[in-house]
C-alpha atoms as a PDB file:
ATOM      1  CA  UNK A   1     160.550 110.003  69.800  1.00  0.00           C
ATOM      2  CA  UNK A   2     157.034 111.457  69.652  1.00  0.00           C
ATOM      3  CA  UNK A   3     155.737 114.666  71.162  1.00  0.00           C
ATOM      4  CA  UNK A   4     153.148 114.444  73.907  1.00  0.00           C
ATOM      5  CA  UNK A   5     151.213 116.779  76.196  1.00  0.00           C
ATOM      6  CA  UNK A   6     150.230 115.832  79.717  1.00  0.00           C
ATOM      7  CA  UNK A   7     147.286 117.893  81.005  1.00  0.00           C
ATOM      8  CA  UNK A   8     146.862 117.777  84.788  1.00  0.00           C
ATOM      9  CA  UNK A   9     144.084 119.104  86.953  1.00  0.00           C
ATOM     10  CA  UNK A  10     145.242 119.239  90.580  1.00  0.00           C
ATOM     11  CA  UNK A  11     143.303 119.746  93.814  1.00  0.00           C
ATOM     12  CA  UNK A  12     142.901 123.475  94.492  1.00  0.00           C
ATOM     13  CA  UNK A  13     142.323 122.988  98.165  1.00  0.00           C
ATOM     14  CA  UNK A  14     145.854 121.798  99.031  1.00  0.00           C
ATOM     15  CA  UNK A  15     148.760 124.050  99.875  1.00  0.00           C
ATOM     16  CA  UNK A  16     151.118 125.400  97.199  1.00  0.00           C
ATOM     17  CA  UNK A  17     154.010 123.234  98.372  1.00  0.00           C
ATOM     18  CA  UNK A  18     151.937 120.094  98.039  1.00  0.00           C
ATOM     19  CA  UNK A  19     150.717 121.044  94.645  1.00  0.00           C
ATOM     20  CA  UNK A  20     154.211 121.734  93.444  1.00  0.00           C
ATOM     21  CA  UNK A  21     155.405 118.437  94.887  1.00  0.00           C
ATOM     22  CA  UNK A  22     152.711 116.604  93.006  1.00  0.00           C
ATOM     23  CA  UNK A  23     153.712 118.386  89.740  1.00  0.00           C
ATOM     24  CA  UNK A  24     157.334 117.527  90.312  1.00  0.00           C
ATOM     25  CA  UNK A  25     156.393 113.925  90.972  1.00  0.00           C
ATOM     26  CA  UNK A  26     154.508 113.751  87.640  1.00  0.00           C
ATOM     27  CA  UNK A  27     157.524 115.331  85.838  1.00  0.00           C
ATOM     28  CA  UNK A  28     159.766 112.810  87.593  1.00  0.00           C
ATOM     29  CA  UNK A  29     157.700 109.959  86.136  1.00  0.00           C
ATOM     30  CA  UNK A  30     158.064 111.460  82.636  1.00  0.00           C
ATOM     31  CA  UNK A  31     161.888 111.568  82.959  1.00  0.00           C
ATOM     32  CA  UNK A  32     162.061 108.158  84.672  1.00  0.00           C
ATOM     33  CA  UNK A  33     160.522 106.475  81.623  1.00  0.00           C
ATOM     34  CA  UNK A  34     162.715 108.228  79.110  1.00  0.00           C
ATOM     35  CA  UNK A  35     160.835 111.382  78.395  1.00  0.00           C
ATOM     36  CA  UNK A  36     162.432 114.796  77.845  1.00  0.00           C
ATOM     37  CA  UNK A  37     160.324 117.667  79.140  1.00  0.00           C
ATOM     38  CA  UNK A  38     160.396 120.733  76.855  1.00  0.00           C
ATOM     39  CA  UNK A  39     157.820 123.049  78.500  1.00  0.00           C
ATOM     40  CA  UNK A  40     155.485 123.341  81.485  1.00  0.00           C
ATOM     41  CA  UNK A  41     152.545 125.736  81.297  1.00  0.00           C
ATOM     42  CA  UNK A  42     150.701 126.719  84.460  1.00  0.00           C
ATOM     43  CA  UNK A  43     147.223 128.030  83.736  1.00  0.00           C
ATOM     44  CA  UNK A  44     146.462 128.455  87.430  1.00  0.00           C
ATOM     45  CA  UNK A  45     143.191 128.095  89.295  1.00  0.00           C
ATOM     46  CA  UNK A  46     140.186 127.623  87.059  1.00  0.00           C
ATOM     47  CA  UNK A  47     136.538 126.629  87.545  1.00  0.00           C
ATOM     48  CA  UNK A  48     135.880 122.996  86.650  1.00  0.00           C
ATOM     49  CA  UNK A  49     133.288 122.197  84.003  1.00  0.00           C
ATOM     50  CA  UNK A  50     131.599 119.901  86.469  1.00  0.00           C
ATOM     51  CA  UNK A  51     132.001 118.957  90.130  1.00  0.00           C
ATOM     52  CA  UNK A  52     134.742 116.423  90.842  1.00  0.00           C
ATOM     53  CA  UNK A  53     134.999 114.949  94.387  1.00  0.00           C
ATOM     54  CA  UNK A  54     132.848 117.821  95.697  1.00  0.00           C
ATOM     55  CA  UNK A  55     135.281 120.418  94.254  1.00  0.00           C
ATOM     56  CA  UNK A  56     134.431 123.189  91.853  1.00  0.00           C
ATOM     57  CA  UNK A  57     137.960 124.474  91.067  1.00  0.00           C
ATOM     58  CA  UNK A  58     141.320 122.986  90.173  1.00  0.00           C
ATOM     59  CA  UNK A  59     144.822 124.009  89.187  1.00  0.00           C
ATOM     60  CA  UNK A  60     145.646 123.303  85.519  1.00  0.00           C
ATOM     61  CA  UNK A  61     149.075 122.409  84.275  1.00  0.00           C
ATOM     62  CA  UNK A  62     150.221 121.327  80.814  1.00  0.00           C
ATOM     63  CA  UNK A  63     153.521 119.448  80.482  1.00  0.00           C
ATOM     64  CA  UNK A  64     154.980 119.108  77.003  1.00  0.00           C
ATOM     65  CA  UNK A  65     157.464 116.347  76.476  1.00  0.00           C
ATOM     66  CA  UNK A  66     159.051 113.980  73.937  1.00  0.00           C
ATOM     67  CA  UNK A  67     159.185 110.252  74.622  1.00  0.00           C
ATOM     68  CA  UNK A  68     158.954 106.763  73.173  1.00  0.00           C
ATOM     69  CA  UNK A  69     155.432 105.361  72.881  1.00  0.00           C
ATOM     70  CA  UNK A  70     155.922 103.194  76.030  1.00  0.00           C
ATOM     71  CA  UNK A  71     156.290 106.243  78.267  1.00  0.00           C
ATOM     72  CA  UNK A  72     152.652 107.438  78.224  1.00  0.00           C
ATOM     73  CA  UNK A  73     151.490 103.940  79.051  1.00  0.00           C
ATOM     74  CA  UNK A  74     153.717 103.784  82.132  1.00  0.00           C
ATOM     75  CA  UNK A  75     152.848 107.388  83.020  1.00  0.00           C
ATOM     76  CA  UNK A  76     149.093 106.616  83.009  1.00  0.00           C
ATOM     77  CA  UNK A  77     149.594 103.710  85.338  1.00  0.00           C
ATOM     78  CA  UNK A  78     151.002 106.152  87.913  1.00  0.00           C
ATOM     79  CA  UNK A  79     148.763 109.142  87.265  1.00  0.00           C
ATOM     80  CA  UNK A  80     145.512 107.487  88.200  1.00  0.00           C
ATOM     81  CA  UNK A  81     146.736 106.575  91.716  1.00  0.00           C
ATOM     82  CA  UNK A  82     148.433 109.847  92.563  1.00  0.00           C
ATOM     83  CA  UNK A  83     146.990 111.890  95.408  1.00  0.00           C
ATOM     84  CA  UNK A  84     145.690 115.392  94.520  1.00  0.00           C
ATOM     85  CA  UNK A  85     145.329 114.624  90.803  1.00  0.00           C
ATOM     86  CA  UNK A  86     141.665 115.175  89.915  1.00  0.00           C
ATOM     87  CA  UNK A  87     141.999 114.464  86.171  1.00  0.00           C
ATOM     88  CA  UNK A  88     144.784 113.892  83.668  1.00  0.00           C
ATOM     89  CA  UNK A  89     145.062 113.413  79.954  1.00  0.00           C
ATOM     90  CA  UNK A  90     147.973 112.480  77.763  1.00  0.00           C
ATOM     91  CA  UNK A  91     147.705 113.544  74.160  1.00  0.00           C
ATOM     92  CA  UNK A  92     149.965 112.671  71.232  1.00  0.00           C
ATOM     93  CA  UNK A  93     150.956 115.966  69.628  1.00  0.00           C
ATOM     94  CA  UNK A  94     151.583 114.930  66.059  1.00  0.00           C
ATOM     95  CA  UNK A  95     152.173 117.581  63.418  1.00  0.00           C
ATOM     96  CA  UNK A  96     148.943 117.641  61.511  1.00  0.00           C
ATOM     97  CA  UNK A  97     150.566 119.169  58.421  1.00  0.00           C
ATOM     98  CA  UNK A  98     152.983 116.215  58.294  1.00  0.00           C
ATOM     99  CA  UNK A  99     150.044 113.755  58.612  1.00  0.00           C
ATOM    100  CA  UNK A 100     148.082 115.406  55.823  1.00  0.00           C
ATOM    101  CA  UNK A 101     151.095 115.866  53.508  1.00  0.00           C
ATOM    102  CA  UNK A 102     151.243 112.222  52.395  1.00  0.00           C
ATOM    103  CA  UNK A 103     147.521 112.324  51.555  1.00  0.00           C
ATOM    104  CA  UNK A 104     148.043 115.363  49.341  1.00  0.00           C
ATOM    105  CA  UNK A 105     150.937 113.688  47.567  1.00  0.00           C
ATOM    106  CA  UNK A 106     148.836 110.534  46.990  1.00  0.00           C
ATOM    107  CA  UNK A 107     146.040 112.668  45.522  1.00  0.00           C
ATOM    108  CA  UNK A 108     148.491 114.520  43.248  1.00  0.00           C
ATOM    109  CA  UNK A 109     150.002 111.198  42.113  1.00  0.00           C
ATOM    110  CA  UNK A 110     146.542 109.824  41.307  1.00  0.00           C
ATOM    111  CA  UNK A 111     145.626 112.926  39.318  1.00  0.00           C
ATOM    112  CA  UNK A 112     148.863 112.694  37.303  1.00  0.00           C
ATOM    113  CA  UNK A 113     148.292 109.001  36.721  1.00  0.00           C
ATOM    114  CA  UNK A 114     144.803 109.754  35.403  1.00  0.00           C
ATOM    115  CA  UNK A 115     146.207 112.413  33.033  1.00  0.00           C
ATOM    116  CA  UNK A 116     148.721 109.881  31.606  1.00  0.00           C
ATOM    117  CA  UNK A 117     146.147 107.227  31.007  1.00  0.00           C
ATOM    118  CA  UNK A 118     144.800 107.464  27.439  1.00  0.00           C
ATOM    119  CA  UNK A 119     141.069 107.746  27.151  1.00  0.00           C
ATOM    120  CA  UNK A 120     139.440 105.200  24.967  1.00  0.00           C
END
């Protein structure tokens, strides 16, 4: 299972109950498709970088979860038609150190191979 982050920007003009219901619905989709939610960060009401649907503010949420690669695909198919979701983004949260580690091992192996090769 891979780690993902779902960033949600929800409509700031709706009531708190509606906004919480929208967040719960998004979390329900994650669990429906086999994801395990580890953390939900609420950043609160923030000014948008640009106007979206004549709105200047939105509520920001970040949902961290682990799932198989099929889950984000299914999640996106539901996110873009959900009411009160202004924007969303699903990001694969791979460990960059683990990704760069094999590259470093390959470079070290190449250096040691060069040292073992006799110069003519």
